[in-house]
Protein backbone atom coordinates (compact mmCIF):
# COMPACT_ATOMS: atom_id res chain seq x y z
CA MET A 1 -0.03 -0.05 0.00
CA GLU A 2 1.29 3.40 -1.00
CA GLU A 3 2.02 5.56 2.06
CA ILE A 4 0.36 8.91 2.38
CA THR A 5 2.02 12.00 3.66
CA TYR A 6 0.59 15.27 4.82
CA THR A 7 2.23 18.78 5.27
CA TYR A 8 1.25 21.21 7.92
CA GLU A 9 2.55 24.63 8.91
CA GLY A 10 2.89 26.48 12.24
CA LYS A 11 5.01 29.09 14.03
CA THR A 12 6.90 26.25 15.68
CA THR A 13 7.36 22.46 15.13
CA THR A 14 4.92 21.65 18.04
CA GLU A 15 2.22 23.90 16.58
CA ALA A 16 2.48 22.33 13.14
CA LEU A 17 2.37 18.82 14.69
CA GLU A 18 -0.59 19.54 16.82
CA LYS A 19 -2.46 21.00 13.89
CA GLY A 20 -1.87 17.89 11.91
CA LEU A 21 -2.65 15.39 14.63
CA LYS A 22 -5.94 17.17 15.29
CA GLU A 23 -7.05 17.21 11.73
CA LEU A 24 -6.06 13.63 11.15
CA ASN A 25 -7.58 12.49 14.53
CA LEU A 26 -4.38 10.60 15.44
CA LYS A 27 -1.84 10.45 18.27
CA LYS A 28 1.87 11.24 17.97
CA ALA A 29 2.62 7.53 18.42
CA ASP A 30 0.58 6.82 15.20
CA ILE A 31 2.87 8.92 12.92
CA GLU A 32 6.34 9.55 11.75
CA TYR A 33 7.40 13.08 10.84
CA LYS A 34 10.15 15.30 9.68
CA VAL A 35 10.72 19.14 9.54
CA ILE A 36 10.98 20.21 5.96
CA GLU A 37 11.21 23.92 6.55
CA ASN A 38 12.80 25.09 9.79
CA GLU A 39 12.42 28.57 11.46
CA ASP A 40 16.23 28.59 12.16
CA LYS A 41 17.10 28.60 8.40
CA ARG A 42 16.40 32.16 7.90
CA SER A 43 18.37 34.71 5.82
CA PHE A 44 18.95 38.39 6.59
CA PHE A 45 16.40 39.25 3.79
CA SER A 46 13.66 37.12 5.44
CA ILE A 47 14.05 38.53 8.92
CA LEU A 48 10.92 40.57 8.67
CA THR A 49 8.71 37.73 7.37
CA PRO A 50 6.68 35.62 9.73
CA ARG A 51 8.33 32.52 11.18
CA ILE A 52 6.99 29.32 9.62
CA VAL A 53 7.78 25.66 10.22
CA LYS A 54 6.59 23.05 7.85
CA VAL A 55 6.43 19.44 8.96
CA GLU A 56 5.70 16.33 6.79
CA ILE A 57 3.58 13.71 8.56
CA LYS A 58 3.57 10.10 7.45
CA VAL A 59 0.87 7.81 8.94
CA LYS A 60 2.33 4.46 10.12
CA LYS A 61 1.16 1.54 8.02
CA ASP A 62 -0.92 -0.17 10.58
CA LYS A 63 -2.75 3.00 11.43
CA ASN A 64 -3.12 3.77 7.76
CA LYS A 65 -4.99 0.64 7.38
CA ALA A 66 -7.13 0.84 10.46
CA ASN A 67 -7.89 4.55 10.47
CA ASN A 68 -7.61 6.19 7.20
CA VAL A 69 -8.25 3.78 4.31
CA GLU A 70 -11.47 2.17 3.45
CA VAL A 71 -10.73 -1.49 3.28
CA LYS A 72 -12.14 -3.02 0.05
CA LYS A 73 -13.67 -6.37 0.89
CA GLU A 74 -13.85 -8.99 -1.71
CA ILE A 75 -17.50 -10.02 -2.16
CA LYS A 76 -17.87 -13.49 -3.36
CA PRO A 77 -20.62 -14.30 -5.84
CA LEU A 78 -23.95 -15.51 -4.43
CA GLU A 79 -24.97 -19.15 -4.94
CA GLN A 80 -28.34 -19.85 -6.44
CA ALA A 81 -29.63 -21.41 -3.26
CA GLU A 82 -28.53 -18.12 -1.29
CA ILE A 83 -30.36 -16.03 -3.80
CA VAL A 84 -33.60 -18.04 -3.53
CA LYS A 85 -33.50 -18.15 0.28
CA GLY A 86 -32.63 -14.42 0.52
CA LYS A 87 -35.51 -13.42 -1.72
CA GLU A 88 -37.88 -15.66 0.13
CA ASN A 89 -36.85 -14.10 3.49
CA LEU A 90 -37.37 -10.58 2.11
CA SER A 91 -40.72 -11.37 0.50
CA ASN A 92 -42.11 -12.81 3.64
CA PHE A 93 -40.97 -9.79 5.74
CA LEU A 94 -42.03 -7.12 3.22
CA ASN A 95 -45.51 -8.55 2.84
CA GLU A 96 -46.13 -7.99 6.49
CA PHE A 97 -43.95 -4.74 6.81
CA ILE A 98 -46.01 -2.96 4.14
CA LYS A 99 -49.27 -3.57 5.97
CA THR A 100 -47.99 -1.48 8.92
CA LEU A 101 -47.17 1.61 6.90
CA PRO A 102 -49.51 4.54 6.40
CA SER A 103 -49.10 4.31 2.53
CA LYS A 104 -51.43 1.62 1.12
CA ASP A 105 -50.23 1.59 -2.44
CA ILE A 106 -46.69 0.44 -1.81
CA GLU A 107 -45.25 -2.16 -4.18
CA TYR A 108 -41.84 -3.82 -4.08
CA GLU A 109 -39.55 -5.56 -6.52
CA ILE A 110 -36.58 -7.78 -5.52
CA LYS A 111 -33.75 -8.16 -8.08
CA ASN A 112 -30.40 -9.74 -7.78
CA THR A 113 -26.97 -9.46 -9.25
CA ASP A 114 -24.23 -12.00 -8.80
CA LYS A 115 -23.14 -10.39 -5.55
CA PHE A 116 -26.20 -8.68 -3.89
CA LEU A 117 -29.95 -8.43 -3.72
CA GLN A 118 -31.81 -5.12 -4.50
CA VAL A 119 -35.13 -4.12 -3.18
CA ASN A 120 -37.04 -1.35 -5.05
CA LEU A 121 -39.96 0.29 -3.35
CA SER A 122 -42.56 2.31 -5.13
CA GLY A 123 -45.86 4.15 -4.25
CA SER A 124 -46.94 7.64 -3.20
CA ASP A 125 -45.72 9.78 -0.29
CA LEU A 126 -42.69 7.61 0.61
CA ASN A 127 -40.39 10.37 1.65
CA TYR A 128 -40.69 9.32 5.26
CA LEU A 129 -39.02 5.94 4.27
CA ILE A 130 -36.14 7.90 2.76
CA GLY A 131 -35.48 10.48 5.56
CA TYR A 132 -32.95 13.33 5.72
CA ARG A 133 -30.28 12.52 3.13
CA GLY A 134 -31.33 8.83 3.10
CA GLU A 135 -30.81 8.14 6.72
CA VAL A 136 -34.09 6.11 7.04
CA LEU A 137 -33.27 4.33 3.79
CA ASN A 138 -29.87 3.41 4.95
CA SER A 139 -31.45 2.00 8.22
CA LEU A 140 -33.90 -0.06 6.17
CA GLN A 141 -30.97 -1.35 4.11
CA THR A 142 -29.17 -2.59 7.24
CA LEU A 143 -32.49 -4.25 8.44
CA TYR A 144 -33.20 -5.97 5.06
CA THR A 145 -29.63 -7.27 5.01
CA THR A 146 -30.14 -8.87 8.38
CA ILE A 147 -33.60 -10.33 7.22
CA ALA A 148 -32.25 -11.67 3.96
CA SER A 149 -29.35 -13.45 5.65
CA LYS A 150 -31.57 -15.33 8.13
CA GLY A 151 -30.80 -19.10 7.76
CA ILE A 152 -27.89 -18.47 5.51
CA GLU A 153 -24.25 -19.05 6.70
CA ARG A 154 -22.99 -15.72 5.44
CA LYS A 155 -24.36 -12.06 5.23
CA ILE A 156 -26.31 -11.41 2.10
CA ARG A 157 -25.83 -7.78 1.02
CA VAL A 158 -29.03 -5.93 0.25
CA LEU A 159 -29.29 -2.45 -1.51
CA VAL A 160 -32.46 -0.57 -1.09
CA ASP A 161 -33.90 2.11 -3.43
CA ILE A 162 -37.12 4.18 -3.01
CA LEU A 163 -38.54 6.11 -5.98
CA GLY A 164 -35.14 6.25 -7.61
CA TYR A 165 -33.68 8.21 -4.72
CA ARG A 166 -30.52 6.07 -4.49
CA GLU A 167 -29.59 6.74 -8.12
CA LYS A 168 -30.19 10.49 -7.74
CA ARG A 169 -28.11 10.65 -4.51
CA ASP A 170 -25.25 8.69 -6.14
CA LYS A 171 -25.14 11.23 -8.96
CA THR A 172 -25.31 14.05 -6.43
CA LEU A 173 -22.23 12.61 -4.56
CA GLU A 174 -20.28 12.15 -7.78
CA ASN A 175 -20.87 15.78 -8.78
CA LEU A 176 -19.82 16.82 -5.36
CA ALA A 177 -16.62 14.78 -5.63
CA ASP A 178 -15.78 16.28 -8.89
CA LYS A 179 -16.38 19.83 -7.60
CA LEU A 180 -14.33 19.42 -4.45
CA ALA A 181 -11.42 17.82 -6.36
CA LYS A 182 -11.29 20.86 -8.49
CA LYS A 183 -11.29 22.98 -5.42
CA VAL A 184 -8.46 21.05 -3.81
CA VAL A 185 -6.37 21.38 -6.96
CA ARG A 186 -7.16 25.09 -7.31
CA GLU A 187 -6.59 26.10 -3.77
CA ARG A 188 -3.87 23.53 -3.05
CA ARG A 189 -5.36 22.52 0.30
CA LYS A 190 -7.34 19.49 1.61
CA VAL A 191 -11.11 19.41 2.13
CA THR A 192 -12.80 17.43 4.75
CA LEU A 193 -16.35 16.39 4.12
CA GLU A 194 -19.12 15.92 6.64
CA PRO A 195 -19.80 12.47 8.15
CA MET A 196 -21.24 9.96 5.61
CA SER A 197 -22.36 6.30 5.71
CA SER A 198 -19.96 3.71 4.39
CA TYR A 199 -21.98 3.39 1.21
CA GLU A 200 -21.75 7.09 0.48
CA ARG A 201 -18.08 7.23 1.24
CA LYS A 202 -17.59 4.31 -1.21
CA ILE A 203 -19.20 6.46 -4.00
CA ILE A 204 -16.71 9.39 -3.27
CA HIS A 205 -13.70 6.96 -3.09
CA GLU A 206 -14.58 5.25 -6.31
CA ARG A 207 -15.29 8.58 -8.18
CA LEU A 208 -11.82 9.90 -7.38
CA GLN A 209 -9.78 6.71 -7.25
CA ASN A 210 -8.22 7.35 -10.68
CA HIS A 211 -7.99 11.16 -10.38
CA PRO A 212 -4.39 12.26 -11.47
CA LYS A 213 -3.97 15.04 -8.79
CA VAL A 214 -6.07 14.16 -5.66
CA GLN A 215 -6.54 11.22 -3.27
CA THR A 216 -9.17 10.32 -0.71
CA THR A 217 -8.79 8.95 2.79
CA SER A 218 -11.16 8.42 5.64
CA ILE A 219 -10.76 9.58 9.27
CA GLY A 220 -12.72 9.28 12.41
CA GLU A 221 -14.95 6.51 13.82
CA GLU A 222 -18.44 5.49 12.85
CA PRO A 223 -20.96 6.98 12.67
CA ASN A 224 -18.84 10.18 12.33
CA ARG A 225 -16.37 8.88 9.79
CA LYS A 226 -15.44 11.44 7.23
CA ILE A 227 -13.67 11.64 3.88
CA VAL A 228 -10.62 13.84 3.34
CA ILE A 229 -9.73 14.90 -0.26
CA SER A 230 -6.10 16.05 -0.57
CA LEU A 231 -3.45 16.59 -3.22
CA LYS A 232 -1.34 13.59 -4.07
């Protein structure tokens, strides 16, 4: 794995380090650093300029894996028996679940790819099942994954979409990633996004993974884990 370095400035080495550790949500033991511009190396002509120290911080490999990088898990293809059982579990649950909802015209469709099941819900006035920025939808997705996996040895991943919200949200996140990448390149400083679900972080990571000038990492703990977009 390629090691990622960050550069921070301060009036002293301590100030620059503290700034970096706070932003990266790490401890001093989690990093290696070196001073790349020292306040002592000052010429007569720079005597009137503000003192600046630059430090380069490198996250130790074990912390890089645990704290900052989204780990890509290899998902094995579903077996036919798993698909059949997962769909049966979801159908039995959804038939009863829909009866408890205020909307009476809800219909569902269960599809599958070789690696996951997808539930599409349609009907009128279903915004309450989506919630603010998809919070309720994401909770339903976690619930449906648990339901689908009942009686199966491994977890069956389920994606949920309601009235095409997921597709629209994905497009919004991709546009946001493009916009912020341009900002990072233009202003030459990193940008930290607000906390997102693992699914939404994955959209940002994948959108920018082949970008020639920026890179993405994740910091913090769930449910407040955030993406940082920075220059390579």
